[in-house]
Amino acid sequence: MAYKVAVVGATGNVGREMLDILAERRFPVSEVVALASPRSIGTEVSFGDRTLKCKVLDSYDFSDVDICLMSAGGSVAKEWAPRIGAQGCVVIDNSSAWRMDPDVPLVVPEVNAAAAAGFSKKNIIANPNCSTAQLVVALKPLHDAATIKRVVVSTYQSVSGAGKEGMDELFAQTRSVFVANPVEAKKFPKRIAFNLIPQIDVFMEDGFTKEEWKMVAETKKILDPKIKLVATCVRVPVFIGHSEAVNIEFEKPISADEARNILRAAPGVLVIDKHEAGGYITPHEAAGEDATYVSRIRTDPTVDNGLVLWCVSDNLRKGAALNAIQIAEVLMNRKLLAPKKRAA
């Protein structure tokens, strides 16, 4: 069985990562089509040892495409995902456009793979926010063991979460600092080089940002609506890799050693937790890796049944491209989607 796969937003950070991961994981493809906006027509992107030329989304016929991996922003997804789905192609969308739609599954395969079966209502499956994806991978096995009541999370999110423009801005500002040139802030509300910005996405009426709201709403939808969660999301001058400091309060007692053993056996998790200098994972080391890394697991003495941990992952991979392809693998492995018959 081989599937025809389209990648929408193929010239972006996540789109290129999707193409790389499709090749790395040897996803069974009969054909891969790279799609982008008209300004990117003819742009070449890599797929394994092959080069693909980008075609235009606006005029593409999806009637013989099985899976569309979409990473082109919310407005494009809102307009095009239903159109593509109506042609019998399953859209796995990386934007926030469809995540909270009750008829669209929001899936992290290590956490709620069974939910993917609900795609048939709209032929759309949503990928969660990058900061949520790694968090729920770490929380799921602990929730199963001791039932989570409350989570307090502070994120340290890399500039690649804001796309290529965010990465370019960090690079340009860093260079300007070293040569004593003026530092311009365009993509971010304040200078990001050698600085931290406690704002990701827009502010809401309650004082939280939309990124913080996403973590709350998405964790409830993916994992358990009873979990109480509060987040503070911070942009940091790191190119790739999101980090999170997570305080968890449980209904049942759970020790740090028990949590460590549970997480070591959990899918998608790697525990690196030595009580010594350097005995933990940083975003630099997680870049290019598929795992969600957990370090610094310890008891929180300020609450009953509390733990604290450090969680790190490559936001372009597990936070976006890898998770989307893992969803496609769920559709294939669970026989939820058969390839369309095509003329010889």
Protein backbone atom coordinates (compact mmCIF):
# COMPACT_ATOMS: atom_id res chain seq x y z
CA MET A 1 0.00 0.00 0.00
CA ALA A 2 1.35 3.37 -1.00
CA TYR A 3 -0.25 6.76 -0.49
CA LYS A 4 -0.17 9.91 -2.56
CA VAL A 5 0.81 12.71 -0.17
CA ALA A 6 0.65 16.47 -0.68
CA VAL A 7 2.60 18.89 1.53
CA VAL A 8 1.05 22.37 1.64
CA GLY A 9 3.49 25.04 2.80
CA ALA A 10 6.41 22.99 1.52
CA THR A 11 8.85 25.94 1.46
CA GLY A 12 8.41 26.81 5.15
CA ASN A 13 10.37 25.50 8.14
CA VAL A 14 7.76 22.91 9.06
CA GLY A 15 6.92 21.96 5.47
CA ARG A 16 10.57 21.18 4.72
CA GLU A 17 10.76 19.20 7.96
CA MET A 18 7.68 17.21 6.91
CA LEU A 19 9.36 16.25 3.65
CA ASP A 20 12.54 15.22 5.49
CA ILE A 21 10.64 13.10 8.02
CA LEU A 22 8.50 11.40 5.36
CA ALA A 23 11.77 10.27 3.76
CA GLU A 24 13.50 9.39 7.05
CA ARG A 25 10.63 7.23 8.27
CA ARG A 26 10.12 5.66 4.82
CA PHE A 27 6.45 6.47 4.81
CA PRO A 28 4.97 4.43 1.94
CA VAL A 29 4.34 7.01 -0.75
CA SER A 30 3.41 6.50 -4.38
CA GLU A 31 3.99 10.21 -5.01
CA VAL A 32 4.79 13.33 -2.99
CA VAL A 33 3.59 16.72 -4.20
CA ALA A 34 5.05 19.97 -2.84
CA LEU A 35 2.54 22.84 -2.80
CA ALA A 36 2.92 26.50 -1.88
CA SER A 37 1.67 29.98 -2.75
CA PRO A 38 2.02 31.43 -6.28
CA ARG A 39 5.17 33.36 -5.30
CA SER A 40 6.92 30.04 -4.58
CA ILE A 41 6.00 28.30 -7.84
CA GLY A 42 9.00 26.40 -9.18
CA THR A 43 10.93 26.67 -5.91
CA GLU A 44 12.85 23.45 -5.32
CA VAL A 45 12.59 21.48 -2.07
CA SER A 46 14.26 18.23 -1.06
CA PHE A 47 12.52 14.92 -0.47
CA GLY A 48 15.13 12.32 0.43
CA ASP A 49 17.56 12.18 -2.47
CA ARG A 50 15.03 13.73 -4.84
CA THR A 51 14.20 17.34 -5.63
CA LEU A 52 10.60 18.48 -5.97
CA LYS A 53 9.40 21.64 -7.68
CA CYS A 54 6.62 23.45 -5.89
CA LYS A 55 3.22 23.65 -7.51
CA VAL A 56 0.48 26.16 -6.69
CA LEU A 57 -2.11 25.24 -4.08
CA ASP A 58 -4.86 27.37 -5.65
CA SER A 59 -5.12 25.32 -8.83
CA TYR A 60 -4.26 21.83 -7.57
CA ASP A 61 -6.71 18.91 -7.93
CA PHE A 62 -6.74 16.78 -4.74
CA SER A 63 -9.18 14.16 -6.06
CA ASP A 64 -6.47 11.48 -6.30
CA VAL A 65 -4.49 12.57 -3.19
CA ASP A 66 -4.83 10.45 -0.04
CA ILE A 67 -3.23 12.63 2.63
CA CYS A 68 -2.55 16.35 2.74
CA LEU A 69 -0.02 17.55 5.32
CA MET A 70 -0.79 21.24 5.77
CA SER A 71 1.48 23.85 7.35
CA ALA A 72 0.45 27.11 5.73
CA GLY A 73 -1.13 29.13 8.53
CA GLY A 74 -4.62 29.44 9.98
CA SER A 75 -6.28 31.51 7.25
CA VAL A 76 -5.13 29.14 4.49
CA ALA A 77 -6.20 26.11 6.53
CA LYS A 78 -9.60 27.60 7.29
CA GLU A 79 -10.28 28.17 3.59
CA TRP A 80 -8.62 25.15 2.03
CA ALA A 81 -8.91 22.24 4.48
CA PRO A 82 -12.69 21.81 3.92
CA ARG A 83 -12.24 22.08 0.14
CA ILE A 84 -9.50 19.46 0.16
CA GLY A 85 -11.43 17.22 2.54
CA ALA A 86 -14.48 17.40 0.28
CA GLN A 87 -12.35 15.79 -2.47
CA GLY A 88 -11.83 12.71 -0.29
CA CYS A 89 -8.34 13.66 0.89
CA VAL A 90 -7.59 13.60 4.63
CA VAL A 91 -6.04 16.87 5.80
CA ILE A 92 -3.63 16.82 8.76
CA ASP A 93 -3.40 20.48 9.66
CA ASN A 94 -0.65 22.07 11.71
CA SER A 95 -2.36 25.43 12.29
CA SER A 96 -4.70 26.43 15.13
CA ALA A 97 -7.68 26.80 12.76
CA TRP A 98 -9.37 23.45 13.48
CA ARG A 99 -8.02 22.37 16.86
CA MET A 100 -11.05 23.25 18.94
CA ASP A 101 -13.68 22.23 16.37
CA PRO A 102 -15.71 19.46 18.08
CA ASP A 103 -15.91 17.54 14.78
CA VAL A 104 -12.14 17.56 14.27
CA PRO A 105 -9.89 15.20 16.26
CA LEU A 106 -6.88 16.83 17.97
CA VAL A 107 -4.29 14.08 18.08
CA VAL A 108 -0.94 13.28 19.65
CA PRO A 109 -0.41 9.59 18.76
CA GLU A 110 1.36 8.63 22.00
CA VAL A 111 -1.56 10.10 23.96
CA ASN A 112 -4.87 9.68 22.11
CA ALA A 113 -4.28 7.80 18.85
CA ALA A 114 -7.78 6.31 18.96
CA ALA A 115 -9.26 9.78 18.49
CA ALA A 116 -7.94 9.83 14.91
CA ALA A 117 -10.81 7.58 13.88
CA GLY A 118 -13.12 10.60 14.16
CA PHE A 119 -11.59 12.27 11.08
CA SER A 120 -14.38 11.16 8.77
CA LYS A 121 -16.79 13.92 9.85
CA LYS A 122 -14.78 16.57 8.00
CA ASN A 123 -11.75 14.66 6.67
CA ILE A 124 -9.60 16.90 8.89
CA ILE A 125 -7.29 16.03 11.79
CA ALA A 126 -5.63 18.80 13.80
CA ASN A 127 -2.07 18.88 15.05
CA PRO A 128 -1.76 20.54 18.48
CA ASN A 129 0.29 23.58 19.36
CA CYS A 130 4.00 22.77 19.61
CA SER A 131 4.22 23.56 23.33
CA THR A 132 1.16 21.41 24.05
CA ALA A 133 2.38 18.39 22.08
CA GLN A 134 5.51 17.77 24.12
CA LEU A 135 3.72 18.54 27.38
CA VAL A 136 0.97 15.95 26.94
CA VAL A 137 3.46 13.28 25.85
CA ALA A 138 5.13 13.69 29.26
CA LEU A 139 1.88 14.08 31.22
CA LYS A 140 -0.08 11.13 29.77
CA PRO A 141 1.76 8.23 31.48
CA LEU A 142 1.84 10.11 34.79
CA HIS A 143 -1.88 10.89 34.52
CA ASP A 144 -2.61 7.21 33.92
CA ALA A 145 -0.64 6.29 37.03
CA ALA A 146 -1.74 8.89 39.58
CA THR A 147 -4.42 11.17 38.00
CA ILE A 148 -3.35 14.78 37.47
CA LYS A 149 -5.38 17.48 39.21
CA ARG A 150 -3.43 20.62 38.35
CA VAL A 151 -0.49 21.71 36.19
CA VAL A 152 1.52 24.93 36.34
CA VAL A 153 3.82 25.28 33.33
CA SER A 154 6.32 27.93 32.28
CA THR A 155 7.57 27.61 28.72
CA TYR A 156 10.84 28.73 27.15
CA GLN A 157 10.00 28.70 23.45
CA SER A 158 12.45 29.05 20.59
CA VAL A 159 12.13 31.60 17.80
CA SER A 160 11.49 28.89 15.18
CA GLY A 161 8.01 28.67 16.67
CA ALA A 162 7.43 32.02 14.93
CA GLY A 163 8.63 30.64 11.59
CA LYS A 164 11.57 31.56 9.38
CA GLU A 165 11.01 35.26 10.09
CA GLY A 166 11.57 34.66 13.79
CA MET A 167 14.82 32.80 13.17
CA ASP A 168 16.03 35.48 10.76
CA GLU A 169 15.26 38.20 13.30
CA LEU A 170 17.26 36.52 16.07
CA PHE A 171 20.19 36.07 13.70
CA ALA A 172 20.06 39.67 12.43
CA GLN A 173 19.69 41.18 15.89
CA THR A 174 22.53 39.10 17.31
CA ARG A 175 24.81 40.23 14.51
CA SER A 176 23.75 43.85 15.06
CA VAL A 177 24.60 43.63 18.76
CA PHE A 178 28.10 42.34 18.03
CA VAL A 179 28.88 45.04 15.46
CA ALA A 180 27.13 47.81 17.46
CA ASN A 181 24.47 48.45 14.81
CA PRO A 182 20.89 49.47 15.70
CA VAL A 183 18.71 46.51 16.68
CA GLU A 184 15.37 46.35 14.83
CA ALA A 185 12.35 44.45 16.18
CA LYS A 186 9.90 43.51 13.41
CA LYS A 187 8.58 40.00 14.03
CA PHE A 188 8.62 40.21 17.82
CA PRO A 189 7.20 43.03 20.00
CA LYS A 190 10.60 43.63 21.62
CA ARG A 191 14.21 42.76 20.94
CA ILE A 192 14.78 38.99 21.21
CA ALA A 193 18.59 38.85 20.96
CA PHE A 194 20.06 38.37 24.47
CA ASN A 195 16.58 38.91 25.89
CA LEU A 196 13.34 37.14 26.91
CA ILE A 197 9.83 38.15 25.84
CA PRO A 198 6.93 37.08 28.13
CA GLN A 199 4.42 37.22 25.27
CA ILE A 200 3.64 34.67 22.56
CA ASP A 201 0.64 35.47 20.33
CA VAL A 202 -1.87 38.20 21.19
CA PHE A 203 -3.25 39.17 24.60
CA MET A 204 -6.76 38.14 25.58
CA GLU A 205 -9.21 39.97 27.84
CA ASP A 206 -8.20 38.00 30.96
CA GLY A 207 -4.54 39.01 30.61
CA PHE A 208 -3.34 35.65 29.32
CA THR A 209 -1.95 35.33 25.80
CA LYS A 210 -3.54 33.16 23.13
CA GLU A 211 -0.57 30.77 23.32
CA GLU A 212 -1.25 30.26 27.01
CA TRP A 213 -4.95 29.70 26.33
CA LYS A 214 -4.07 27.15 23.63
CA MET A 215 -2.09 25.07 26.12
CA VAL A 216 -5.04 25.02 28.54
CA ALA A 217 -7.75 24.23 25.98
CA GLU A 218 -5.73 21.71 23.97
CA THR A 219 -4.50 19.77 27.01
CA LYS A 220 -8.09 19.40 28.17
CA LYS A 221 -9.24 18.19 24.73
CA ILE A 222 -6.35 15.77 24.19
CA LEU A 223 -5.81 14.43 27.69
CA ASP A 224 -8.60 15.14 30.20
CA PRO A 225 -11.09 18.03 30.54
CA LYS A 226 -10.86 17.78 34.34
CA ILE A 227 -7.19 18.83 34.45
CA LYS A 228 -6.65 22.40 35.65
CA LEU A 229 -3.72 24.06 33.90
CA VAL A 230 -2.17 27.52 33.94
CA ALA A 231 0.69 28.58 31.68
CA THR A 232 3.16 31.40 31.22
CA CYS A 233 4.68 31.29 27.74
CA VAL A 234 8.01 33.02 27.10
CA ARG A 235 9.96 33.49 23.86
CA VAL A 236 13.69 32.92 24.35
CA PRO A 237 16.73 33.54 22.10
CA VAL A 238 17.09 29.89 21.03
CA PHE A 239 16.77 28.86 17.39
CA ILE A 240 15.19 25.40 17.76
CA GLY A 241 13.70 23.54 20.72
CA HIS A 242 11.04 24.39 23.29
CA SER A 243 11.63 23.84 27.01
CA GLU A 244 9.10 23.69 29.83
CA ALA A 245 9.30 23.79 33.63
CA VAL A 246 6.27 21.80 34.80
CA ASN A 247 4.75 21.58 38.30
CA ILE A 248 2.17 18.78 38.61
CA GLU A 249 -0.26 18.06 41.43
CA PHE A 250 -1.77 14.55 41.54
CA GLU A 251 -4.77 12.97 43.22
CA LYS A 252 -2.72 9.94 44.31
CA PRO A 253 0.76 9.75 45.82
CA ILE A 254 3.61 9.31 43.34
CA SER A 255 7.32 9.53 44.09
CA ALA A 256 10.01 10.97 41.88
CA ASP A 257 11.51 7.50 41.44
CA GLU A 258 8.13 6.06 40.43
CA ALA A 259 7.63 8.87 37.94
CA ARG A 260 11.09 8.34 36.53
CA ASN A 261 10.42 4.63 35.94
CA ILE A 262 6.98 5.31 34.42
CA LEU A 263 8.39 7.88 32.01
CA ARG A 264 11.29 5.63 31.01
CA ALA A 265 8.75 3.07 29.80
CA ALA A 266 6.51 5.62 28.06
CA PRO A 267 6.32 5.92 24.25
CA GLY A 268 8.01 8.99 22.80
CA VAL A 269 9.77 9.90 26.06
CA LEU A 270 13.48 9.75 26.93
CA VAL A 271 14.51 10.37 30.53
CA ILE A 272 17.93 11.99 31.07
CA ASP A 273 18.03 12.75 34.77
CA LYS A 274 21.34 12.61 36.61
CA HIS A 275 21.82 14.74 39.71
CA GLU A 276 25.07 16.24 38.48
CA ALA A 277 26.25 19.15 36.37
CA GLY A 278 25.04 18.57 32.82
CA GLY A 279 22.87 15.60 33.78
CA TYR A 280 19.85 16.97 31.90
CA ILE A 281 18.80 17.85 28.34
CA THR A 282 18.85 21.33 26.82
CA PRO A 283 17.13 22.51 23.62
CA HIS A 284 20.44 22.51 21.76
CA GLU A 285 20.76 18.75 22.35
CA ALA A 286 17.10 18.05 21.52
CA ALA A 287 17.27 19.80 18.12
CA GLY A 288 16.93 17.26 15.33
CA GLU A 289 15.68 14.53 17.67
CA ASP A 290 12.23 12.94 17.76
CA ALA A 291 11.88 12.30 21.49
CA THR A 292 10.34 14.40 24.21
CA TYR A 293 13.10 14.58 26.82
CA VAL A 294 12.35 14.73 30.53
CA SER A 295 14.90 15.76 33.16
CA ARG A 296 15.07 17.21 36.69
CA ILE A 297 12.25 15.02 38.07
CA ARG A 298 11.77 15.82 41.76
CA THR A 299 9.18 16.09 44.50
CA ASP A 300 7.35 19.41 44.89
CA PRO A 301 7.29 19.95 48.69
CA THR A 302 4.76 22.81 48.48
CA VAL A 303 1.74 20.59 47.68
CA ASP A 304 0.52 17.10 48.51
CA ASN A 305 1.36 14.58 45.79
CA GLY A 306 3.40 17.06 43.75
CA LEU A 307 6.20 16.66 41.22
CA VAL A 308 8.37 19.07 39.24
CA LEU A 309 10.06 18.23 35.95
CA TRP A 310 11.89 19.76 32.98
CA CYS A 311 10.61 18.87 29.49
CA VAL A 312 12.40 19.61 26.19
CA SER A 313 11.60 18.80 22.56
CA ASP A 314 12.35 19.91 19.00
CA ASN A 315 9.32 22.08 18.23
CA LEU A 316 9.69 21.68 14.46
CA ARG A 317 9.62 17.90 14.78
CA LYS A 318 7.48 16.58 17.65
CA GLY A 319 5.81 19.95 17.95
CA ALA A 320 4.77 19.98 14.31
CA ALA A 321 6.10 17.89 11.40
CA LEU A 322 6.83 14.59 13.17
CA ASN A 323 3.50 14.57 14.98
CA ALA A 324 1.65 15.13 11.68
CA ILE A 325 3.41 12.19 10.04
CA GLN A 326 2.83 10.01 13.10
CA ILE A 327 -0.88 10.79 12.69
CA ALA A 328 -0.64 9.65 9.05
CA GLU A 329 1.01 6.45 10.31
CA VAL A 330 -1.90 5.92 12.72
CA LEU A 331 -4.34 6.17 9.80
CA MET A 332 -2.29 3.60 7.90
CA ASN A 333 -1.46 1.19 10.75
CA ARG A 334 -5.01 1.13 12.11
CA LYS A 335 -6.38 0.66 8.59
CA LEU A 336 -8.47 3.81 8.90
CA LEU A 337 -7.48 4.99 5.42
CA ALA A 338 -6.90 2.95 2.28
CA PRO A 339 -5.11 4.48 -0.72
CA LYS A 340 -7.37 5.56 -3.57
CA LYS A 341 -7.44 3.44 -6.67
CA ARG A 342 -5.62 5.15 -9.49
CA ALA A 343 -5.45 4.52 -13.19
CA ALA A 344 -2.41 2.53 -14.20
